Each structure stands twice: as structure tokens, then as C-alpha cells.
Amino acid sequence: MYKIRYDEESDVLTILVSESGKLSHAEEIGDVVVHLGRDGKPLLLEVLNASRNVSLMVQALAKKEVAA
């Protein structure tokens, strides 16, 4: 189960994907930072500028839902 936290001051949404595994490195893809374990699987996601980006994600998903 994912753990989600939003820090209003830094406008960052943090999603804990897995509590198991050792952090190896992180990759930044636009406003998303993916922290990966040694096995290459994501452990943590950070959405930067979350107040803007999450709203855009929801809009995009809503459009897909309507089209389906």
C-alpha cells in the first residue's frame, strides 16, 4: 500500500511505493523524481510543483476515462 504525503511549503507530493529495498539512486524526469532501489524498482516518487502537476495529471486521466 502506498503512503502519500504533501508538503505545502515546498509544494512536493511524496509517494512511498515500497518500504523494502535499499536506495540506489534517483532519476529526475521533468518535475518527477523517481528514487530507485538496487534492483531498479521504484521505492519513492516525488512530484515537484505538485499543486500544478497533480491537477494536470487528474485532467489527463479524466480525459482518458471519458474516451474509454
PDB file of N, CA and C in Angstrom:
ATOM      1  N   MET A   1       0.836  -1.178   0.000  1.00  0.00           N
ATOM      2  CA  MET A   1       0.000   0.000   0.000  1.00  0.00           C
ATOM      3  C   MET A   1       0.886   1.248   0.000  1.00  0.00           C
ATOM      4  N   TYR A   2       0.511   2.206  -0.802  1.00  0.00           N
ATOM      5  CA  TYR A   2       1.284   3.433  -0.916  1.00  0.00           C
ATOM      6  C   TYR A   2       1.024   4.360   0.272  1.00  0.00           C
ATOM      7  N   LYS A   3       2.052   5.094   0.653  1.00  0.00           N
ATOM      8  CA  LYS A   3       1.909   6.154   1.648  1.00  0.00           C
ATOM      9  C   LYS A   3       2.131   7.463   0.912  1.00  0.00           C
ATOM     10  N   ILE A   4       1.217   8.389   1.074  1.00  0.00           N
ATOM     11  CA  ILE A   4       1.273   9.651   0.343  1.00  0.00           C
ATOM     12  C   ILE A   4       1.318  10.801   1.338  1.00  0.00           C
ATOM     13  N   ARG A   5       2.200  11.765   1.047  1.00  0.00           N
ATOM     14  CA  ARG A   5       2.330  12.944   1.900  1.00  0.00           C
ATOM     15  C   ARG A   5       2.524  14.170   1.017  1.00  0.00           C
ATOM     16  N   TYR A   6       1.912  15.257   1.408  1.00  0.00           N
ATOM     17  CA  TYR A   6       2.068  16.510   0.679  1.00  0.00           C
ATOM     18  C   TYR A   6       2.653  17.548   1.606  1.00  0.00           C
ATOM     19  N   ASP A   7       3.742  18.197   1.160  1.00  0.00           N
ATOM     20  CA  ASP A   7       4.363  19.272   1.913  1.00  0.00           C
ATOM     21  C   ASP A   7       3.994  20.580   1.215  1.00  0.00           C
ATOM     22  N   GLU A   8       3.097  21.329   1.840  1.00  0.00           N
ATOM     23  CA  GLU A   8       2.590  22.560   1.237  1.00  0.00           C
ATOM     24  C   GLU A   8       3.683  23.609   1.070  1.00  0.00           C
ATOM     25  N   GLU A   9       4.579  23.693   2.030  1.00  0.00           N
ATOM     26  CA  GLU A   9       5.631  24.713   1.977  1.00  0.00           C
ATOM     27  C   GLU A   9       6.547  24.522   0.763  1.00  0.00           C
ATOM     28  N   SER A  10       6.937  23.276   0.493  1.00  0.00           N
ATOM     29  CA  SER A  10       7.825  23.015  -0.646  1.00  0.00           C
ATOM     30  C   SER A  10       7.044  22.620  -1.903  1.00  0.00           C
ATOM     31  N   ASP A  11       5.726  22.424  -1.767  1.00  0.00           N
ATOM     32  CA  ASP A  11       4.845  22.032  -2.869  1.00  0.00           C
ATOM     33  C   ASP A  11       5.325  20.731  -3.519  1.00  0.00           C
ATOM     34  N   VAL A  12       5.616  19.735  -2.655  1.00  0.00           N
ATOM     35  CA  VAL A  12       6.095  18.429  -3.113  1.00  0.00           C
ATOM     36  C   VAL A  12       5.159  17.347  -2.597  1.00  0.00           C
ATOM     37  N   LEU A  13       4.711  16.497  -3.520  1.00  0.00           N
ATOM     38  CA  LEU A  13       3.910  15.328  -3.182  1.00  0.00           C
ATOM     39  C   LEU A  13       4.853  14.140  -3.164  1.00  0.00           C
ATOM     40  N   THR A  14       4.905  13.413  -2.047  1.00  0.00           N
ATOM     41  CA  THR A  14       5.782  12.263  -1.900  1.00  0.00           C
ATOM     42  C   THR A  14       4.938  11.008  -1.824  1.00  0.00           C
ATOM     43  N   ILE A  15       5.289  10.022  -2.637  1.00  0.00           N
ATOM     44  CA  ILE A  15       4.563   8.753  -2.668  1.00  0.00           C
ATOM     45  C   ILE A  15       5.560   7.643  -2.371  1.00  0.00           C
ATOM     46  N   LEU A  16       5.385   6.996  -1.223  1.00  0.00           N
ATOM     47  CA  LEU A  16       6.229   5.868  -0.850  1.00  0.00           C
ATOM     48  C   LEU A  16       5.655   4.632  -1.518  1.00  0.00           C
ATOM     49  N   VAL A  17       6.399   4.075  -2.443  1.00  0.00           N
ATOM     50  CA  VAL A  17       5.927   2.936  -3.222  1.00  0.00           C
ATOM     51  C   VAL A  17       6.255   1.631  -2.513  1.00  0.00           C
ATOM     52  N   SER A  18       7.438   1.556  -1.917  1.00  0.00           N
ATOM     53  CA  SER A  18       7.869   0.333  -1.249  1.00  0.00           C
ATOM     54  C   SER A  18       8.782   0.679  -0.081  1.00  0.00           C
ATOM     55  N   GLU A  19       8.573  -0.016   1.023  1.00  0.00           N
ATOM     56  CA  GLU A  19       9.426   0.186   2.191  1.00  0.00           C
ATOM     57  C   GLU A  19      10.571  -0.805   2.215  1.00  0.00           C
ATOM     58  N   SER A  20      10.540  -1.758   1.282  1.00  0.00           N
ATOM     59  CA  SER A  20      11.624  -2.737   1.241  1.00  0.00           C
ATOM     60  C   SER A  20      12.592  -2.373   0.129  1.00  0.00           C
ATOM     61  N   GLY A  21      13.829  -2.673   0.337  1.00  0.00           N
ATOM     62  CA  GLY A  21      14.854  -2.367  -0.656  1.00  0.00           C
ATOM     63  C   GLY A  21      15.750  -1.249  -0.188  1.00  0.00           C
ATOM     64  N   LYS A  22      16.927  -1.230  -0.735  1.00  0.00           N
ATOM     65  CA  LYS A  22      17.923  -0.200  -0.412  1.00  0.00           C
ATOM     66  C   LYS A  22      17.976   0.801  -1.555  1.00  0.00           C
ATOM     67  N   LEU A  23      17.960   2.072  -1.198  1.00  0.00           N
ATOM     68  CA  LEU A  23      18.019   3.135  -2.190  1.00  0.00           C
ATOM     69  C   LEU A  23      19.358   3.106  -2.915  1.00  0.00           C
ATOM     70  N   SER A  24      19.288   3.125  -4.231  1.00  0.00           N
ATOM     71  CA  SER A  24      20.493   3.105  -5.052  1.00  0.00           C
ATOM     72  C   SER A  24      20.764   4.480  -5.646  1.00  0.00           C
ATOM     73  N   HIS A  25      19.761   5.037  -6.318  1.00  0.00           N
ATOM     74  CA  HIS A  25      19.935   6.334  -6.973  1.00  0.00           C
ATOM     75  C   HIS A  25      18.566   6.913  -7.311  1.00  0.00           C
ATOM     76  N   ALA A  26      18.579   8.133  -7.800  1.00  0.00           N
ATOM     77  CA  ALA A  26      17.342   8.797  -8.196  1.00  0.00           C
ATOM     78  C   ALA A  26      17.492   9.328  -9.609  1.00  0.00           C
ATOM     79  N   GLU A  27      16.374   9.350 -10.320  1.00  0.00           N
ATOM     80  CA  GLU A  27      16.343   9.908 -11.664  1.00  0.00           C
ATOM     81  C   GLU A  27      15.260  10.971 -11.717  1.00  0.00           C
ATOM     82  N   GLU A  28      15.613  12.116 -12.283  1.00  0.00           N
ATOM     83  CA  GLU A  28      14.657  13.217 -12.400  1.00  0.00           C
ATOM     84  C   GLU A  28      14.120  13.239 -13.822  1.00  0.00           C
ATOM     85  N   ILE A  29      12.802  13.182 -13.924  1.00  0.00           N
ATOM     86  CA  ILE A  29      12.133  13.210 -15.214  1.00  0.00           C
ATOM     87  C   ILE A  29      11.152  14.379 -15.161  1.00  0.00           C
ATOM     88  N   GLY A  30      11.585  15.521 -15.658  1.00  0.00           N
ATOM     89  CA  GLY A  30      10.757  16.722 -15.548  1.00  0.00           C
ATOM     90  C   GLY A  30      10.575  17.091 -14.097  1.00  0.00           C
ATOM     91  N   ASP A  31       9.326  17.190 -13.662  1.00  0.00           N
ATOM     92  CA  ASP A  31       9.018  17.537 -12.272  1.00  0.00           C
ATOM     93  C   ASP A  31       8.788  16.310 -11.396  1.00  0.00           C
ATOM     94  N   VAL A  32       9.216  15.150 -11.852  1.00  0.00           N
ATOM     95  CA  VAL A  32       9.065  13.924 -11.062  1.00  0.00           C
ATOM     96  C   VAL A  32      10.451  13.345 -10.791  1.00  0.00           C
ATOM     97  N   VAL A  33      10.699  13.045  -9.521  1.00  0.00           N
ATOM     98  CA  VAL A  33      11.953  12.404  -9.127  1.00  0.00           C
ATOM     99  C   VAL A  33      11.609  10.985  -8.678  1.00  0.00           C
ATOM    100  N   VAL A  34      12.228  10.004  -9.326  1.00  0.00           N
ATOM    101  CA  VAL A  34      11.987   8.599  -9.004  1.00  0.00           C
ATOM    102  C   VAL A  34      13.225   8.072  -8.283  1.00  0.00           C
ATOM    103  N   HIS A  35      13.042   7.626  -7.050  1.00  0.00           N
ATOM    104  CA  HIS A  35      14.132   7.038  -6.269  1.00  0.00           C
ATOM    105  C   HIS A  35      14.052   5.531  -6.467  1.00  0.00           C
ATOM    106  N   LEU A  36      15.154   4.964  -6.957  1.00  0.00           N
ATOM    107  CA  LEU A  36      15.171   3.550  -7.327  1.00  0.00           C
ATOM    108  C   LEU A  36      16.023   2.728  -6.361  1.00  0.00           C
ATOM    109  N   GLY A  37      15.601   1.484  -6.181  1.00  0.00           N
ATOM    110  CA  GLY A  37      16.363   0.557  -5.356  1.00  0.00           C
ATOM    111  C   GLY A  37      17.476  -0.072  -6.166  1.00  0.00           C
ATOM    112  N   ARG A  38      18.275  -0.865  -5.505  1.00  0.00           N
ATOM    113  CA  ARG A  38      19.396  -1.542  -6.174  1.00  0.00           C
ATOM    114  C   ARG A  38      18.916  -2.462  -7.288  1.00  0.00           C
ATOM    115  N   ASP A  39      17.682  -2.955  -7.168  1.00  0.00           N
ATOM    116  CA  ASP A  39      17.124  -3.845  -8.193  1.00  0.00           C
ATOM    117  C   ASP A  39      16.471  -3.067  -9.340  1.00  0.00           C
ATOM    118  N   GLY A  40      16.529  -1.733  -9.268  1.00  0.00           N
ATOM    119  CA  GLY A  40      15.963  -0.906 -10.327  1.00  0.00           C
ATOM    120  C   GLY A  40      14.485  -0.603 -10.175  1.00  0.00           C
ATOM    121  N   LYS A  41      13.859  -1.117  -9.124  1.00  0.00           N
ATOM    122  CA  LYS A  41      12.438  -0.876  -8.898  1.00  0.00           C
ATOM    123  C   LYS A  41      12.255   0.425  -8.112  1.00  0.00           C
ATOM    124  N   PRO A  42      11.174   1.174  -8.414  1.00  0.00           N
ATOM    125  CA  PRO A  42      10.940   2.434  -7.697  1.00  0.00           C
ATOM    126  C   PRO A  42      10.586   2.201  -6.229  1.00  0.00           C
ATOM    127  N   LEU A  43      11.185   3.017  -5.368  1.00  0.00           N
ATOM    128  CA  LEU A  43      10.889   2.975  -3.942  1.00  0.00           C
ATOM    129  C   LEU A  43      10.092   4.199  -3.503  1.00  0.00           C
ATOM    130  N   LEU A  44      10.377   5.341  -4.137  1.00  0.00           N
ATOM    131  CA  LEU A  44       9.772   6.600  -3.726  1.00  0.00           C
ATOM    132  C   LEU A  44       9.623   7.505  -4.946  1.00  0.00           C
ATOM    133  N   LEU A  45       8.502   8.198  -5.032  1.00  0.00           N
ATOM    134  CA  LEU A  45       8.270   9.175  -6.089  1.00  0.00           C
ATOM    135  C   LEU A  45       8.062  10.531  -5.445  1.00  0.00           C
ATOM    136  N   GLU A  46       8.640  11.559  -6.034  1.00  0.00           N
ATOM    137  CA  GLU A  46       8.409  12.924  -5.587  1.00  0.00           C
ATOM    138  C   GLU A  46       7.883  13.719  -6.779  1.00  0.00           C
ATOM    139  N   VAL A  47       6.740  14.347  -6.604  1.00  0.00           N
ATOM    140  CA  VAL A  47       6.177  15.200  -7.643  1.00  0.00           C
ATOM    141  C   VAL A  47       6.437  16.639  -7.216  1.00  0.00           C
ATOM    142  N   LEU A  48       7.332  17.310  -7.935  1.00  0.00           N
ATOM    143  CA  LEU A  48       7.657  18.700  -7.640  1.00  0.00           C
ATOM    144  C   LEU A  48       6.582  19.603  -8.242  1.00  0.00           C
ATOM    145  N   ASN A  49       6.415  20.784  -7.689  1.00  0.00           N
ATOM    146  CA  ASN A  49       5.350  21.696  -8.141  1.00  0.00           C
ATOM    147  C   ASN A  49       4.009  20.959  -8.180  1.00  0.00           C
ATOM    148  N   ALA A  50       3.752  20.229  -7.121  1.00  0.00           N
ATOM    149  CA  ALA A  50       2.609  19.320  -7.081  1.00  0.00           C
ATOM    150  C   ALA A  50       1.268  20.014  -7.275  1.00  0.00           C
ATOM    151  N   SER A  51       1.109  21.203  -6.750  1.00  0.00           N
ATOM    152  CA  SER A  51      -0.194  21.870  -6.865  1.00  0.00           C
ATOM    153  C   SER A  51      -0.580  22.074  -8.324  1.00  0.00           C
ATOM    154  N   ARG A  52       0.388  22.241  -9.183  1.00  0.00           N
ATOM    155  CA  ARG A  52       0.116  22.395 -10.622  1.00  0.00           C
ATOM    156  C   ARG A  52       0.082  21.033 -11.317  1.00  0.00           C
ATOM    157  N   ASN A  53       1.064  20.198 -11.039  1.00  0.00           N
ATOM    158  CA  ASN A  53       1.210  18.936 -11.766  1.00  0.00           C
ATOM    159  C   ASN A  53       0.134  17.910 -11.446  1.00  0.00           C
ATOM    160  N   VAL A  54      -0.280  17.814 -10.211  1.00  0.00           N
ATOM    161  CA  VAL A  54      -1.311  16.834  -9.862  1.00  0.00           C
ATOM    162  C   VAL A  54      -2.622  17.197 -10.549  1.00  0.00           C
ATOM    163  N   SER A  55      -2.935  18.464 -10.591  1.00  0.00           N
ATOM    164  CA  SER A  55      -4.143  18.903 -11.274  1.00  0.00           C
ATOM    165  C   SER A  55      -4.092  18.548 -12.758  1.00  0.00           C
ATOM    166  N   LEU A  56      -2.933  18.724 -13.390  1.00  0.00           N
ATOM    167  CA  LEU A  56      -2.779  18.354 -14.803  1.00  0.00           C
ATOM    168  C   LEU A  56      -2.917  16.848 -15.007  1.00  0.00           C
ATOM    169  N   MET A  57      -2.385  16.067 -14.066  1.00  0.00           N
ATOM    170  CA  MET A  57      -2.500  14.605 -14.151  1.00  0.00           C
ATOM    171  C   MET A  57      -3.956  14.164 -14.059  1.00  0.00           C
ATOM    172  N   VAL A  58      -4.685  14.764 -13.131  1.00  0.00           N
ATOM    173  CA  VAL A  58      -6.100  14.419 -12.953  1.00  0.00           C
ATOM    174  C   VAL A  58      -6.893  14.769 -14.211  1.00  0.00           C
ATOM    175  N   GLN A  59      -6.626  15.920 -14.790  1.00  0.00           N
ATOM    176  CA  GLN A  59      -7.308  16.316 -16.025  1.00  0.00           C
ATOM    177  C   GLN A  59      -7.010  15.331 -17.149  1.00  0.00           C
ATOM    178  N   ALA A  60      -5.772  14.934 -17.285  1.00  0.00           N
ATOM    179  CA  ALA A  60      -5.392  13.988 -18.339  1.00  0.00           C
ATOM    180  C   ALA A  60      -6.067  12.632 -18.136  1.00  0.00           C
ATOM    181  N   LEU A  61      -6.118  12.174 -16.877  1.00  0.00           N
ATOM    182  CA  LEU A  61      -6.780  10.900 -16.597  1.00  0.00           C
ATOM    183  C   LEU A  61      -8.270  10.977 -16.837  1.00  0.00           C
ATOM    184  N   ALA A  62      -8.882  12.109 -16.520  1.00  0.00           N
ATOM    185  CA  ALA A  62     -10.315  12.289 -16.744  1.00  0.00           C
ATOM    186  C   ALA A  62     -10.631  12.242 -18.237  1.00  0.00           C
ATOM    187  N   LYS A  63      -9.785  12.810 -19.052  1.00  0.00           N
ATOM    188  CA  LYS A  63      -9.987  12.779 -20.498  1.00  0.00           C
ATOM    189  C   LYS A  63      -9.894  11.345 -21.027  1.00  0.00           C
ATOM    190  N   LYS A  64      -8.948  10.561 -20.495  1.00  0.00           N
ATOM    191  CA  LYS A  64      -8.816   9.168 -20.899  1.00  0.00           C
ATOM    192  C   LYS A  64     -10.057   8.371 -20.502  1.00  0.00           C
ATOM    193  N   GLU A  65     -10.585   8.648 -19.310  1.00  0.00           N
ATOM    194  CA  GLU A  65     -11.759   7.953 -18.802  1.00  0.00           C
ATOM    195  C   GLU A  65     -12.966   8.228 -19.703  1.00  0.00           C
ATOM    196  N   VAL A  66     -13.129   9.455 -20.132  1.00  0.00           N
ATOM    197  CA  VAL A  66     -14.256   9.842 -20.987  1.00  0.00           C
ATOM    198  C   VAL A  66     -14.130   9.170 -22.353  1.00  0.00           C
ATOM    199  N   ALA A  67     -12.894   9.073 -22.859  1.00  0.00           N
ATOM    200  CA  ALA A  67     -12.672   8.483 -24.172  1.00  0.00           C
ATOM    201  C   ALA A  67     -12.855   6.966 -24.168  1.00  0.00           C
ATOM    202  N   ALA A  68     -12.725   6.324 -23.040  1.00  0.00           N
ATOM    203  CA  ALA A  68     -12.799   4.864 -22.964  1.00  0.00           C
ATOM    204  C   ALA A  68     -14.173   4.321 -23.052  1.00  0.00           C
TER     205      ALA A  68
END
